[in-house]
């Protein structure tokens, strides 16, 4: 995730990359996609990443549910800083 970017922008960028790779016939298992998104988050998100990795089965955890969870967490972080 780039500095000063939010989860929505990161998700949109990641989706464009994944769809581009799919158009060339390259696909990735769900677990790998979810792990790549989690590992792309800044270190300030480490607690959330650890919680998700420990609580969820990443083989079945969908990218959409992950993004929703991250967006919710981001909203909570932003509300706390205001």
Protein backbone atom coordinates (compact mmCIF):
# COMPACT_ATOMS: atom_id res chain seq x y z
CA UNK A 1 0.00 0.00 0.00
CA UNK A 2 1.41 3.36 -0.96
CA UNK A 3 1.79 6.09 1.66
CA UNK A 4 -1.20 8.44 1.98
CA UNK A 5 -3.45 5.95 0.14
CA UNK A 6 -6.53 4.42 1.62
CA UNK A 7 -7.84 0.86 1.51
CA UNK A 8 -10.26 1.61 -1.35
CA UNK A 9 -7.47 2.94 -3.57
CA UNK A 10 -5.24 -0.01 -2.68
CA UNK A 11 -8.06 -2.46 -3.37
CA UNK A 12 -8.87 -0.87 -6.73
CA UNK A 13 -5.22 -0.98 -7.77
CA UNK A 14 -4.82 -4.59 -6.64
CA UNK A 15 -7.99 -5.61 -8.52
CA UNK A 16 -6.71 -4.01 -11.73
CA UNK A 17 -3.43 -5.92 -11.42
CA UNK A 18 -5.15 -9.25 -10.67
CA UNK A 19 -7.62 -8.80 -13.55
CA UNK A 20 -4.77 -7.92 -15.89
CA UNK A 21 -2.94 -11.10 -14.93
CA UNK A 22 -6.15 -13.13 -15.41
CA UNK A 23 -6.46 -11.76 -18.94
CA UNK A 24 -3.07 -13.34 -19.67
CA UNK A 25 -4.19 -16.64 -18.21
CA UNK A 26 -2.38 -16.29 -14.87
CA UNK A 27 -4.50 -17.05 -11.82
CA UNK A 28 -3.63 -17.30 -8.16
CA UNK A 29 -5.20 -19.31 -5.35
CA UNK A 30 -7.48 -17.32 -3.06
CA UNK A 31 -5.14 -17.78 -0.09
CA UNK A 32 -2.22 -16.28 -2.01
CA UNK A 33 -4.28 -13.27 -3.09
CA UNK A 34 -5.50 -12.63 0.47
CA UNK A 35 -1.97 -13.03 1.89
CA UNK A 36 -0.55 -10.62 -0.69
CA UNK A 37 -3.11 -7.97 0.26
CA UNK A 38 -2.39 -8.47 3.97
CA UNK A 39 1.36 -8.24 3.42
CA UNK A 40 0.99 -5.07 1.36
CA UNK A 41 -0.44 -3.17 4.33
CA UNK A 42 1.81 -0.79 6.28
CA UNK A 43 3.29 -1.85 9.61
CA UNK A 44 0.74 0.31 11.42
CA UNK A 45 -1.81 -2.36 10.39
CA UNK A 46 0.24 -5.21 11.86
CA UNK A 47 -2.21 -5.91 14.72
CA UNK A 48 -5.15 -6.18 12.30
CA UNK A 49 -3.16 -8.41 9.92
CA UNK A 50 -2.17 -10.72 12.78
CA UNK A 51 -5.76 -10.89 14.05
CA UNK A 52 -7.05 -11.87 10.61
CA UNK A 53 -4.30 -14.43 10.01
CA UNK A 54 -4.94 -16.09 13.37
CA UNK A 55 -8.75 -15.97 13.32
CA UNK A 56 -9.57 -16.80 9.72
CA UNK A 57 -8.95 -19.70 7.38
CA UNK A 58 -7.20 -17.84 4.58
CA UNK A 59 -7.92 -20.65 2.11
CA UNK A 60 -11.64 -19.84 2.29
CA UNK A 61 -11.52 -16.17 3.36
CA UNK A 62 -12.68 -14.20 0.33
CA UNK A 63 -10.98 -11.08 -0.94
CA UNK A 64 -14.29 -9.16 -0.76
CA UNK A 65 -14.78 -10.02 2.91
CA UNK A 66 -11.16 -9.06 3.61
CA UNK A 67 -11.55 -5.68 1.91
CA UNK A 68 -14.79 -5.03 3.82
CA UNK A 69 -13.03 -5.84 7.08
CA UNK A 70 -10.12 -3.56 6.22
CA UNK A 71 -12.45 -0.72 5.20
CA UNK A 72 -14.31 -1.04 8.51
CA UNK A 73 -11.05 -0.99 10.44
CA UNK A 74 -9.86 2.05 8.48
CA UNK A 75 -13.10 3.90 9.30
CA UNK A 76 -12.60 3.14 13.00
CA UNK A 77 -9.02 4.38 12.85
CA UNK A 78 -10.09 7.57 11.08
CA UNK A 79 -12.93 8.22 13.54
CA UNK A 80 -10.54 7.79 16.45
CA UNK A 81 -8.13 10.37 15.07
CA UNK A 82 -10.77 13.04 14.56
